[in-house]
Amino acid sequence: MSLFDPRQAPKAPASSAELSPVAPSRLHPEALRQRFARPPIWTPDIENEKWFRSGAPVHVPASVLVPLVVRPWLVRQGVPGIPSVLLTQRTAHLKAHAGQISFPGGRSEPDDRDAVATALREAHEEVGLSPDRVEILGQLPTYVTGTGFSVTPVVGLIQAQDHEEHSLDLRADPSEVADIFEVPLDFLMDPANHEQRIIPMAGQEFNFFAMPWTAPHRDEDYFIWGATAAMLRNFYRFLSA
């Protein structure tokens, strides 16, 4: 369980007011392919967590898949095919990060060839996503969690197979995943939706990002925060550079 309720953490003063959302034309699949093929010079906002640490951190290699689901027939902001981001909610009984929102992923195994192999294997195990359905675009900078994992975000496109909005035929591993859902990429790439909240700890204050998302026909929001929100914030910086 979390050591505190992130929903109750106070908001920091707005710091993204001067930032613009990523233009919808940059979120089209072909534009994303070009951005990863010719990446700009840019700087991540956050590369490691400074809370929940005791002693020297142990950097355990891990990977997550950032799955961008493409439905070419859907039009957002006048642009067809802007992807949504597939996320999971972890089950409440897990020892680490119980109930939190995350990308499919986990620690590297000895048989994994590289970070991409880890991300694809974990996505298949957690949500039943076949690796051959994923077009790998590239990777974002490694992110070090306060629990000692060195996480490589692997970004990939997934083409939906028919016109049904929920048509990916995914199967959640009930031992790890309580829910699978999607958030429009244009929502996540708009800094107006990036909250910064404050953790007071040991006489210091630490900030973390949060991106609450309320899905249609759902009363309670999905509270995207911590490492997942930080990696999405870095994705924003990458696309907006």
Protein backbone atom coordinates (compact mmCIF):
# COMPACT_ATOMS: atom_id res chain seq x y z
CA MET A 1 0.00 0.00 0.00
CA SER A 2 1.03 3.62 -0.49
CA LEU A 3 2.52 5.35 2.54
CA PHE A 4 0.11 8.24 2.00
CA ASP A 5 -2.97 9.10 -0.05
CA PRO A 6 -1.72 11.08 -3.07
CA ARG A 7 -5.22 12.45 -3.68
CA GLN A 8 -4.98 14.32 -0.38
CA ALA A 9 -1.57 15.85 -1.13
CA PRO A 10 -1.84 19.63 -1.55
CA LYS A 11 -1.31 21.14 -4.97
CA ALA A 12 1.84 23.13 -5.65
CA PRO A 13 1.51 26.57 -7.25
CA ALA A 14 0.79 26.25 -10.98
CA SER A 15 4.03 25.93 -12.90
CA SER A 16 2.79 24.87 -16.35
CA ALA A 17 0.70 27.91 -17.22
CA GLU A 18 3.26 29.13 -19.73
CA LEU A 19 3.50 25.77 -21.49
CA SER A 20 1.48 24.94 -24.59
CA PRO A 21 -0.13 21.60 -25.41
CA VAL A 22 1.46 19.46 -28.10
CA ALA A 23 -0.18 20.35 -31.40
CA PRO A 24 -2.65 17.68 -32.57
CA SER A 25 -0.75 17.35 -35.85
CA ARG A 26 2.28 16.11 -33.85
CA LEU A 27 0.24 13.33 -32.27
CA HIS A 28 -0.70 11.59 -35.51
CA PRO A 29 1.03 8.19 -35.85
CA GLU A 30 3.20 9.27 -38.77
CA ALA A 31 4.31 12.38 -36.89
CA LEU A 32 5.21 10.20 -33.90
CA ARG A 33 7.25 7.89 -36.14
CA GLN A 34 9.15 10.87 -37.52
CA ARG A 35 9.81 12.33 -34.06
CA PHE A 36 11.38 9.10 -32.81
CA ALA A 37 13.31 8.65 -36.06
CA ARG A 38 14.77 12.17 -35.72
CA PRO A 39 14.62 13.03 -32.02
CA PRO A 40 15.18 16.64 -30.95
CA ILE A 41 17.53 17.93 -28.29
CA TRP A 42 15.48 18.01 -25.10
CA THR A 43 15.68 17.63 -21.32
CA PRO A 44 13.41 15.45 -19.15
CA ASP A 45 11.64 17.19 -16.29
CA ILE A 46 12.27 14.39 -13.81
CA GLU A 47 14.55 11.36 -14.03
CA ASN A 48 14.46 9.98 -10.51
CA GLU A 49 12.31 10.02 -7.39
CA LYS A 50 13.80 11.39 -4.23
CA TRP A 51 11.24 10.05 -1.76
CA PHE A 52 10.65 6.62 -0.21
CA ARG A 53 14.38 5.86 -0.21
CA SER A 54 16.38 4.34 2.61
CA GLY A 55 20.11 4.13 2.11
CA ALA A 56 21.76 3.76 -1.28
CA PRO A 57 19.28 2.95 -4.05
CA VAL A 58 19.47 -0.42 -5.79
CA HIS A 59 18.84 0.06 -9.48
CA VAL A 60 16.95 -3.03 -10.61
CA PRO A 61 16.55 -3.02 -14.42
CA ALA A 62 12.91 -2.85 -15.53
CA SER A 63 10.88 -1.76 -18.53
CA VAL A 64 7.37 -0.57 -19.22
CA LEU A 65 5.46 -0.45 -22.48
CA VAL A 66 3.83 2.88 -23.31
CA PRO A 67 1.12 1.49 -25.62
CA LEU A 68 -0.40 4.02 -28.03
CA VAL A 69 -3.65 2.62 -29.41
CA VAL A 70 -4.50 3.89 -32.90
CA ARG A 71 -8.04 3.96 -34.26
CA PRO A 72 -7.74 5.72 -37.64
CA TRP A 73 -11.49 6.34 -37.90
CA LEU A 74 -11.64 8.36 -34.67
CA VAL A 75 -11.13 12.12 -35.02
CA ARG A 76 -9.88 14.26 -32.13
CA GLN A 77 -9.36 18.01 -32.46
CA GLY A 78 -9.91 17.67 -36.20
CA VAL A 79 -7.09 15.14 -36.63
CA PRO A 80 -7.88 11.49 -37.39
CA GLY A 81 -5.99 8.74 -35.64
CA ILE A 82 -4.68 10.56 -32.54
CA PRO A 83 -3.87 7.60 -30.27
CA SER A 84 -4.99 6.86 -26.77
CA VAL A 85 -2.62 5.59 -24.08
CA LEU A 86 -3.38 2.18 -22.60
CA LEU A 87 -2.90 2.02 -18.83
CA THR A 88 -3.62 -0.45 -16.06
CA GLN A 89 -4.72 -0.22 -12.46
CA ARG A 90 -2.82 -2.60 -10.23
CA THR A 91 -4.67 -4.93 -7.88
CA ALA A 92 -5.12 -3.88 -4.27
CA HIS A 93 -3.33 -6.87 -2.74
CA LEU A 94 0.11 -6.32 -4.29
CA LYS A 95 3.02 -5.60 -1.95
CA ALA A 96 4.33 -2.71 -4.06
CA HIS A 97 2.30 0.09 -5.69
CA ALA A 98 -1.02 -1.57 -4.88
CA GLY A 99 -3.98 0.06 -6.63
CA GLN A 100 -1.82 2.50 -8.55
CA ILE A 101 -2.10 3.40 -12.22
CA SER A 102 0.79 2.07 -14.30
CA PHE A 103 1.96 1.08 -17.73
CA PRO A 104 2.24 -2.66 -18.40
CA GLY A 105 5.74 -3.64 -17.36
CA GLY A 106 8.08 -5.00 -14.74
CA ARG A 107 11.59 -6.08 -13.90
CA SER A 108 13.92 -7.57 -16.50
CA GLU A 109 14.42 -11.32 -16.56
CA PRO A 110 17.69 -13.09 -17.49
CA ASP A 111 16.22 -14.36 -20.77
CA ASP A 112 15.13 -10.89 -21.91
CA ARG A 113 17.29 -9.73 -24.80
CA ASP A 114 16.88 -6.03 -24.03
CA ALA A 115 14.50 -3.42 -22.62
CA VAL A 116 12.10 -3.87 -25.53
CA ALA A 117 11.89 -7.61 -24.90
CA THR A 118 11.11 -6.99 -21.23
CA ALA A 119 8.36 -4.48 -22.02
CA LEU A 120 6.73 -6.75 -24.61
CA ARG A 121 6.92 -9.83 -22.39
CA GLU A 122 5.42 -8.02 -19.42
CA ALA A 123 2.63 -6.51 -21.53
CA HIS A 124 1.75 -9.96 -22.82
CA GLU A 125 1.75 -11.41 -19.31
CA GLU A 126 -0.22 -8.60 -17.69
CA VAL A 127 -2.84 -7.69 -20.31
CA GLY A 128 -2.57 -10.37 -23.00
CA LEU A 129 -1.15 -8.02 -25.64
CA SER A 130 0.60 -10.05 -28.34
CA PRO A 131 4.10 -8.69 -29.09
CA ASP A 132 3.53 -8.93 -32.84
CA ARG A 133 0.78 -6.32 -32.57
CA VAL A 134 3.19 -3.66 -31.30
CA GLU A 135 5.15 -1.36 -33.62
CA ILE A 136 8.07 -0.15 -31.53
CA LEU A 137 8.76 3.57 -32.02
CA GLY A 138 11.62 4.02 -29.58
CA GLN A 139 12.51 4.63 -25.96
CA LEU A 140 12.36 7.48 -23.49
CA PRO A 141 15.06 8.17 -20.89
CA THR A 142 15.43 5.75 -18.01
CA TYR A 143 13.46 6.70 -14.93
CA VAL A 144 14.64 5.67 -11.45
CA THR A 145 11.88 5.03 -8.91
CA GLY A 146 12.13 5.58 -5.20
CA THR A 147 11.72 1.82 -4.76
CA GLY A 148 14.99 1.21 -6.61
CA PHE A 149 13.90 0.30 -10.14
CA SER A 150 15.65 1.74 -13.19
CA VAL A 151 12.75 1.79 -15.67
CA THR A 152 13.06 2.14 -19.44
CA PRO A 153 9.83 3.37 -21.08
CA VAL A 154 9.37 1.70 -24.50
CA VAL A 155 6.87 3.47 -26.76
CA GLY A 156 4.87 1.47 -29.28
CA LEU A 157 1.87 1.81 -31.60
CA ILE A 158 -1.00 -0.69 -31.59
CA GLN A 159 -3.47 -0.68 -34.47
CA ALA A 160 -7.04 -1.44 -33.38
CA GLN A 161 -8.56 -4.13 -35.58
CA ASP A 162 -12.14 -2.91 -35.97
CA HIS A 163 -14.41 0.04 -35.31
CA GLU A 164 -15.37 -0.97 -31.79
CA GLU A 165 -13.82 1.41 -29.29
CA HIS A 166 -12.82 -1.42 -26.93
CA SER A 167 -11.74 -3.98 -29.50
CA LEU A 168 -8.23 -4.99 -28.46
CA ASP A 169 -9.35 -8.29 -26.94
CA LEU A 170 -7.08 -7.87 -23.92
CA ARG A 171 -7.10 -10.17 -20.91
CA ALA A 172 -6.00 -8.82 -17.55
CA ASP A 173 -3.89 -11.06 -15.31
CA PRO A 174 -6.10 -11.00 -12.18
CA SER A 175 -3.09 -11.48 -9.91
CA GLU A 176 -1.64 -8.13 -11.01
CA VAL A 177 -4.17 -6.07 -12.96
CA ALA A 178 -7.54 -4.91 -11.67
CA ASP A 179 -8.51 -2.73 -14.64
CA ILE A 180 -7.39 -1.79 -18.16
CA PHE A 181 -8.37 1.58 -19.59
CA GLU A 182 -7.32 4.20 -22.13
CA VAL A 183 -6.71 7.95 -21.92
CA PRO A 184 -6.60 10.21 -25.01
CA LEU A 185 -3.01 11.16 -25.80
CA ASP A 186 -3.99 14.77 -26.45
CA PHE A 187 -5.33 15.02 -22.86
CA LEU A 188 -2.04 13.72 -21.46
CA MET A 189 0.06 15.93 -23.73
CA ASP A 190 -1.66 19.10 -22.49
CA PRO A 191 0.25 20.59 -19.52
CA ALA A 192 -2.98 22.19 -18.31
CA ASN A 193 -3.82 18.67 -17.12
CA HIS A 194 -0.49 18.19 -15.32
CA GLU A 195 -0.87 18.91 -11.63
CA GLN A 196 2.06 19.17 -9.28
CA ARG A 197 1.43 18.06 -5.72
CA ILE A 198 3.53 18.24 -2.57
CA ILE A 199 4.76 15.49 -0.24
CA PRO A 200 6.02 16.83 3.12
CA MET A 201 8.56 14.35 4.46
CA ALA A 202 11.34 14.51 7.03
CA GLY A 203 11.22 18.29 7.15
CA GLN A 204 11.40 18.63 3.36
CA GLU A 205 8.89 19.03 0.56
CA PHE A 206 8.95 16.90 -2.58
CA ASN A 207 6.80 17.47 -5.65
CA PHE A 208 5.19 14.84 -7.83
CA PHE A 209 3.10 15.02 -10.99
CA ALA A 210 -0.54 13.91 -11.15
CA MET A 211 -2.90 13.72 -14.13
CA PRO A 212 -6.40 12.81 -12.91
CA TRP A 213 -8.56 11.45 -15.74
CA THR A 214 -12.31 10.94 -15.56
CA ALA A 215 -13.47 8.44 -18.14
CA PRO A 216 -16.93 8.71 -19.70
CA HIS A 217 -19.63 6.98 -17.67
CA ARG A 218 -17.36 6.74 -14.61
CA ASP A 219 -17.87 8.78 -11.44
CA GLU A 220 -14.41 8.48 -9.90
CA ASP A 221 -11.33 9.59 -11.76
CA TYR A 222 -8.27 7.49 -12.50
CA PHE A 223 -5.59 9.18 -10.43
CA ILE A 224 -2.46 8.93 -12.58
CA TRP A 225 0.50 9.99 -10.46
CA GLY A 226 4.08 9.25 -9.43
CA ALA A 227 6.34 7.39 -11.85
CA THR A 228 3.64 6.93 -14.51
CA ALA A 229 2.76 10.61 -14.53
CA ALA A 230 6.44 11.59 -14.51
CA MET A 231 7.18 9.43 -17.55
CA LEU A 232 4.16 10.94 -19.34
CA ARG A 233 5.45 14.39 -18.46
CA ASN A 234 8.81 13.48 -19.99
CA PHE A 235 6.95 12.20 -23.06
CA TYR A 236 5.30 15.63 -23.26
CA ARG A 237 8.70 17.34 -23.14
CA PHE A 238 9.98 15.03 -25.88
CA LEU A 239 7.06 15.73 -28.20
CA SER A 240 6.93 19.46 -27.52
CA ALA A 241 10.66 20.13 -27.93
